[in-house]
Amino acid sequence: MIFISKYLVPKGYTGMTIYPFVFLKSENLRANTVLINHEKIHLKQQVELLILPFYVIYLAEFLIRLLQYRNWQKAYRNISFEREAYCNQTNLEYINGRSIWSFLKYLRHHDI
């Protein structure tokens, strides 16, 4: 389910996924298939990690990346979950053929 919330989505971001919901900053973003696909990848990641562990791992990895890069945006972009979503967001068929725990392949890949 997609909801519009300019207050819930953090400043500087256009969307956020909290299983089972996708929150978008504005109504016109519903038509953005790349953004919706990016958020669907996150839904898939959350389900395969049984939801709560996803958030624990996401936060832990973000904190590690923040120490590593000392830059909020670079730390965020290099979380393995985000790497997978950003690298595959334009492939609208990606989640159909995606292997379970595919985000693990993005743990040690190059920076984005």
N, C-alpha and C. Protein backbone atom coordinates (compact mmCIF):
# COMPACT_ATOMS: atom_id res chain seq x y z
N MET A 1 0.83 -1.18 0.00
CA MET A 1 0.00 0.00 0.00
C MET A 1 0.87 1.24 0.00
N ILE A 2 0.49 2.20 -0.80
CA ILE A 2 1.24 3.44 -0.93
C ILE A 2 0.46 4.57 -0.27
N PHE A 3 1.16 5.33 0.58
CA PHE A 3 0.58 6.49 1.24
C PHE A 3 1.42 7.71 0.92
N ILE A 4 0.79 8.85 0.95
CA ILE A 4 1.48 10.12 0.73
C ILE A 4 1.63 10.81 2.08
N SER A 5 2.86 11.18 2.42
CA SER A 5 3.12 11.86 3.69
C SER A 5 4.37 12.71 3.58
N LYS A 6 4.17 14.00 3.39
CA LYS A 6 5.33 14.88 3.29
C LYS A 6 6.03 15.06 4.63
N TYR A 7 5.36 14.69 5.72
CA TYR A 7 5.95 14.85 7.05
C TYR A 7 6.69 13.60 7.52
N LEU A 8 6.23 12.43 7.12
CA LEU A 8 6.84 11.18 7.57
C LEU A 8 8.14 10.88 6.81
N VAL A 9 8.16 11.19 5.54
CA VAL A 9 9.36 10.96 4.73
C VAL A 9 10.39 12.04 5.09
N PRO A 10 11.59 11.62 5.51
CA PRO A 10 12.60 12.59 5.94
C PRO A 10 12.98 13.59 4.85
N LYS A 11 13.38 14.77 5.28
CA LYS A 11 13.82 15.82 4.36
C LYS A 11 14.97 15.30 3.51
N GLY A 12 14.92 15.57 2.22
CA GLY A 12 15.96 15.13 1.31
C GLY A 12 15.68 13.79 0.65
N TYR A 13 14.60 13.11 1.06
CA TYR A 13 14.24 11.81 0.50
C TYR A 13 12.87 11.91 -0.16
N THR A 14 12.60 11.03 -1.11
CA THR A 14 11.31 11.06 -1.80
C THR A 14 10.39 9.93 -1.36
N GLY A 15 10.95 8.87 -0.81
CA GLY A 15 10.14 7.74 -0.38
C GLY A 15 10.79 6.99 0.75
N MET A 16 9.97 6.18 1.42
CA MET A 16 10.44 5.37 2.53
C MET A 16 9.51 4.16 2.65
N THR A 17 10.08 3.03 2.96
CA THR A 17 9.30 1.81 3.10
C THR A 17 9.38 1.30 4.53
N ILE A 18 8.23 1.13 5.13
CA ILE A 18 8.11 0.50 6.44
C ILE A 18 7.06 -0.58 6.25
N TYR A 19 7.51 -1.82 6.18
CA TYR A 19 6.64 -2.93 5.83
C TYR A 19 5.32 -2.86 6.58
N PRO A 20 4.22 -3.00 5.89
CA PRO A 20 3.99 -3.28 4.47
C PRO A 20 3.65 -2.03 3.66
N PHE A 21 4.07 -0.87 4.15
CA PHE A 21 3.68 0.38 3.52
C PHE A 21 4.85 1.07 2.82
N VAL A 22 4.51 1.79 1.75
CA VAL A 22 5.44 2.66 1.07
C VAL A 22 4.91 4.07 1.26
N PHE A 23 5.75 4.95 1.78
CA PHE A 23 5.38 6.34 1.98
C PHE A 23 6.13 7.19 0.97
N LEU A 24 5.39 8.04 0.27
CA LEU A 24 5.98 8.93 -0.72
C LEU A 24 5.77 10.37 -0.28
N LYS A 25 6.68 11.23 -0.67
CA LYS A 25 6.65 12.63 -0.28
C LYS A 25 5.48 13.39 -0.92
N SER A 26 5.13 13.03 -2.16
CA SER A 26 4.05 13.74 -2.85
C SER A 26 3.30 12.81 -3.80
N GLU A 27 2.09 13.19 -4.11
CA GLU A 27 1.18 12.39 -4.95
C GLU A 27 1.78 12.09 -6.32
N ASN A 28 2.45 13.07 -6.92
CA ASN A 28 2.97 12.87 -8.28
C ASN A 28 4.03 11.77 -8.35
N LEU A 29 4.60 11.36 -7.21
CA LEU A 29 5.63 10.31 -7.19
C LEU A 29 5.03 8.91 -7.41
N ARG A 30 3.72 8.78 -7.28
CA ARG A 30 3.08 7.47 -7.55
C ARG A 30 3.38 6.98 -8.97
N ALA A 31 3.56 7.92 -9.89
CA ALA A 31 3.80 7.58 -11.30
C ALA A 31 5.27 7.28 -11.59
N ASN A 32 6.14 7.46 -10.61
CA ASN A 32 7.57 7.24 -10.79
C ASN A 32 7.86 5.74 -10.61
N THR A 33 7.88 5.02 -11.71
CA THR A 33 8.04 3.56 -11.65
C THR A 33 9.39 3.13 -11.10
N VAL A 34 10.42 3.93 -11.34
CA VAL A 34 11.75 3.59 -10.83
C VAL A 34 11.76 3.70 -9.30
N LEU A 35 11.19 4.77 -8.77
CA LEU A 35 11.11 4.95 -7.32
C LEU A 35 10.27 3.84 -6.68
N ILE A 36 9.13 3.53 -7.27
CA ILE A 36 8.26 2.47 -6.74
C ILE A 36 8.99 1.14 -6.77
N ASN A 37 9.74 0.86 -7.84
CA ASN A 37 10.51 -0.38 -7.92
C ASN A 37 11.59 -0.42 -6.83
N HIS A 38 12.25 0.70 -6.60
CA HIS A 38 13.26 0.81 -5.54
C HIS A 38 12.63 0.43 -4.20
N GLU A 39 11.47 0.96 -3.92
CA GLU A 39 10.79 0.69 -2.64
C GLU A 39 10.29 -0.75 -2.57
N LYS A 40 9.88 -1.32 -3.70
CA LYS A 40 9.46 -2.73 -3.72
C LYS A 40 10.63 -3.66 -3.41
N ILE A 41 11.82 -3.28 -3.85
CA ILE A 41 13.01 -4.06 -3.52
C ILE A 41 13.20 -4.07 -2.01
N HIS A 42 13.00 -2.91 -1.38
CA HIS A 42 13.10 -2.85 0.08
C HIS A 42 12.03 -3.70 0.76
N LEU A 43 10.83 -3.73 0.21
CA LEU A 43 9.78 -4.59 0.78
C LEU A 43 10.22 -6.05 0.75
N LYS A 44 10.79 -6.46 -0.37
CA LYS A 44 11.27 -7.84 -0.52
C LYS A 44 12.38 -8.14 0.50
N GLN A 45 13.30 -7.20 0.68
CA GLN A 45 14.38 -7.36 1.65
C GLN A 45 13.83 -7.50 3.06
N GLN A 46 12.84 -6.68 3.38
CA GLN A 46 12.25 -6.70 4.72
C GLN A 46 11.56 -8.02 5.01
N VAL A 47 10.83 -8.53 4.04
CA VAL A 47 10.13 -9.81 4.22
C VAL A 47 11.11 -10.95 4.41
N GLU A 48 12.16 -11.02 3.58
CA GLU A 48 13.08 -12.14 3.70
C GLU A 48 13.88 -12.12 4.99
N LEU A 49 13.98 -10.97 5.63
CA LEU A 49 14.67 -10.89 6.92
C LEU A 49 13.68 -10.85 8.09
N LEU A 50 12.43 -11.18 7.80
CA LEU A 50 11.38 -11.23 8.82
C LEU A 50 11.17 -9.87 9.51
N ILE A 51 11.29 -8.83 8.75
CA ILE A 51 10.98 -7.43 9.05
C ILE A 51 11.88 -6.80 10.13
N LEU A 52 11.72 -7.15 11.37
CA LEU A 52 12.47 -6.47 12.43
C LEU A 52 13.99 -6.59 12.27
N PRO A 53 14.54 -7.77 11.98
CA PRO A 53 15.99 -7.85 11.77
C PRO A 53 16.49 -6.94 10.64
N PHE A 54 15.65 -6.70 9.64
CA PHE A 54 16.02 -5.79 8.56
C PHE A 54 16.39 -4.43 9.13
N TYR A 55 15.54 -3.90 9.99
CA TYR A 55 15.77 -2.56 10.54
C TYR A 55 16.99 -2.53 11.46
N VAL A 56 17.21 -3.59 12.21
CA VAL A 56 18.38 -3.67 13.09
C VAL A 56 19.65 -3.68 12.26
N ILE A 57 19.68 -4.52 11.22
CA ILE A 57 20.85 -4.61 10.35
C ILE A 57 21.05 -3.31 9.59
N TYR A 58 19.97 -2.73 9.10
CA TYR A 58 20.03 -1.47 8.35
C TYR A 58 20.67 -0.38 9.20
N LEU A 59 20.19 -0.22 10.42
CA LEU A 59 20.72 0.80 11.32
C LEU A 59 22.19 0.52 11.68
N ALA A 60 22.50 -0.73 12.00
CA ALA A 60 23.88 -1.08 12.35
C ALA A 60 24.83 -0.81 11.19
N GLU A 61 24.41 -1.21 9.99
CA GLU A 61 25.27 -0.98 8.83
C GLU A 61 25.41 0.51 8.54
N PHE A 62 24.33 1.26 8.71
CA PHE A 62 24.41 2.70 8.50
C PHE A 62 25.42 3.33 9.46
N LEU A 63 25.38 2.94 10.72
CA LEU A 63 26.32 3.49 11.71
C LEU A 63 27.76 3.14 11.37
N ILE A 64 27.99 1.91 10.92
CA ILE A 64 29.33 1.49 10.50
C ILE A 64 29.78 2.32 9.30
N ARG A 65 28.89 2.47 8.32
CA ARG A 65 29.23 3.27 7.12
C ARG A 65 29.46 4.73 7.48
N LEU A 66 28.72 5.25 8.44
CA LEU A 66 28.91 6.64 8.86
C LEU A 66 30.29 6.82 9.48
N LEU A 67 30.72 5.86 10.28
CA LEU A 67 32.08 5.91 10.82
C LEU A 67 33.11 5.78 9.71
N GLN A 68 32.82 4.93 8.74
CA GLN A 68 33.74 4.68 7.63
C GLN A 68 33.89 5.91 6.73
N TYR A 69 32.77 6.53 6.36
CA TYR A 69 32.80 7.62 5.38
C TYR A 69 32.74 9.02 5.99
N ARG A 70 32.24 9.11 7.21
CA ARG A 70 32.06 10.40 7.89
C ARG A 70 31.25 11.37 7.04
N ASN A 71 30.26 10.80 6.34
CA ASN A 71 29.39 11.58 5.47
C ASN A 71 28.03 10.88 5.44
N TRP A 72 26.98 11.59 5.89
CA TRP A 72 25.65 11.01 6.02
C TRP A 72 25.16 10.40 4.71
N GLN A 73 25.20 11.17 3.63
CA GLN A 73 24.67 10.71 2.34
C GLN A 73 25.47 9.53 1.79
N LYS A 74 26.78 9.59 1.89
CA LYS A 74 27.61 8.50 1.38
C LYS A 74 27.40 7.24 2.21
N ALA A 75 27.24 7.40 3.51
CA ALA A 75 26.96 6.25 4.38
C ALA A 75 25.64 5.60 4.00
N TYR A 76 24.61 6.42 3.81
CA TYR A 76 23.28 5.93 3.42
C TYR A 76 23.34 5.19 2.08
N ARG A 77 23.98 5.79 1.09
CA ARG A 77 24.03 5.20 -0.26
C ARG A 77 24.82 3.89 -0.30
N ASN A 78 25.68 3.67 0.70
CA ASN A 78 26.52 2.47 0.70
C ASN A 78 26.05 1.37 1.65
N ILE A 79 24.87 1.52 2.22
CA ILE A 79 24.25 0.41 2.96
C ILE A 79 23.93 -0.66 1.93
N SER A 80 24.21 -1.90 2.22
CA SER A 80 24.02 -2.98 1.23
C SER A 80 22.60 -3.01 0.69
N PHE A 81 21.60 -2.76 1.53
CA PHE A 81 20.21 -2.76 1.07
C PHE A 81 19.98 -1.65 0.05
N GLU A 82 20.58 -0.50 0.30
CA GLU A 82 20.44 0.63 -0.63
C GLU A 82 21.23 0.39 -1.91
N ARG A 83 22.41 -0.19 -1.78
CA ARG A 83 23.20 -0.51 -2.98
C ARG A 83 22.40 -1.40 -3.92
N GLU A 84 21.80 -2.45 -3.35
CA GLU A 84 21.01 -3.36 -4.18
C GLU A 84 19.85 -2.63 -4.83
N ALA A 85 19.14 -1.83 -4.04
CA ALA A 85 17.97 -1.13 -4.57
C ALA A 85 18.36 -0.11 -5.64
N TYR A 86 19.40 0.68 -5.39
CA TYR A 86 19.83 1.68 -6.37
C TYR A 86 20.37 1.03 -7.65
N CYS A 87 21.14 -0.03 -7.50
CA CYS A 87 21.72 -0.69 -8.68
C CYS A 87 20.67 -1.37 -9.56
N ASN A 88 19.54 -1.72 -8.99
CA ASN A 88 18.54 -2.48 -9.75
C ASN A 88 17.20 -1.77 -9.91
N GLN A 89 17.10 -0.53 -9.49
CA GLN A 89 15.81 0.16 -9.51
C GLN A 89 15.25 0.40 -10.92
N THR A 90 16.11 0.47 -11.91
CA THR A 90 15.61 0.69 -13.27
C THR A 90 15.19 -0.61 -13.97
N ASN A 91 15.56 -1.75 -13.39
CA ASN A 91 15.17 -3.06 -13.93
C ASN A 91 13.84 -3.45 -13.30
N LEU A 92 12.76 -3.16 -13.98
CA LEU A 92 11.43 -3.37 -13.43
C LEU A 92 11.07 -4.85 -13.26
N GLU A 93 11.88 -5.75 -13.80
CA GLU A 93 11.67 -7.18 -13.65
C GLU A 93 12.58 -7.78 -12.57
N TYR A 94 13.41 -6.96 -11.96
CA TYR A 94 14.42 -7.45 -11.02
C TYR A 94 13.83 -8.29 -9.88
N ILE A 95 12.79 -7.81 -9.24
CA ILE A 95 12.29 -8.55 -8.07
C ILE A 95 11.66 -9.88 -8.45
N ASN A 96 11.27 -10.04 -9.71
CA ASN A 96 10.70 -11.31 -10.15
C ASN A 96 11.74 -12.43 -10.20
N GLY A 97 12.98 -12.09 -10.53
CA GLY A 97 14.02 -13.10 -10.63
C GLY A 97 15.07 -12.99 -9.55
N ARG A 98 14.85 -12.13 -8.59
CA ARG A 98 15.81 -11.87 -7.52
C ARG A 98 15.96 -13.09 -6.61
N SER A 99 17.22 -13.45 -6.33
CA SER A 99 17.49 -14.54 -5.39
C SER A 99 17.33 -14.05 -3.96
N ILE A 100 17.00 -14.96 -3.07
CA ILE A 100 16.86 -14.61 -1.66
C ILE A 100 18.20 -14.09 -1.13
N TRP A 101 18.15 -13.08 -0.31
CA TRP A 101 19.29 -12.44 0.35
C TRP A 101 20.30 -11.87 -0.65
N SER A 102 19.80 -11.40 -1.76
CA SER A 102 20.68 -10.83 -2.78
C SER A 102 21.46 -9.62 -2.29
N PHE A 103 20.95 -8.95 -1.27
CA PHE A 103 21.64 -7.78 -0.74
C PHE A 103 23.04 -8.13 -0.23
N LEU A 104 23.28 -9.41 0.13
CA LEU A 104 24.58 -9.81 0.64
C LEU A 104 25.69 -9.59 -0.38
N LYS A 105 25.34 -9.68 -1.67
CA LYS A 105 26.32 -9.44 -2.73
C LYS A 105 26.83 -8.01 -2.72
N TYR A 106 26.07 -7.11 -2.09
CA TYR A 106 26.40 -5.69 -2.09
C TYR A 106 27.11 -5.24 -0.81
N LEU A 107 27.41 -6.16 0.07
CA LEU A 107 28.10 -5.79 1.31
C LEU A 107 29.52 -5.26 1.05
N ARG A 108 30.23 -5.87 0.11
CA ARG A 108 31.62 -5.50 -0.09
C ARG A 108 31.91 -4.95 -1.47
N HIS A 109 30.90 -4.65 -2.25
CA HIS A 109 31.13 -4.07 -3.56
C HIS A 109 31.64 -2.64 -3.45
N HIS A 110 32.06 -2.10 -4.56
CA HIS A 110 32.58 -0.73 -4.59
C HIS A 110 31.55 0.28 -4.07
N ASP A 111 32.06 1.43 -3.71
CA ASP A 111 31.21 2.52 -3.22
C ASP A 111 30.35 3.06 -4.35
N ILE A 112 29.18 3.56 -3.99
CA ILE A 112 28.33 4.24 -4.98
C ILE A 112 28.04 5.64 -4.49
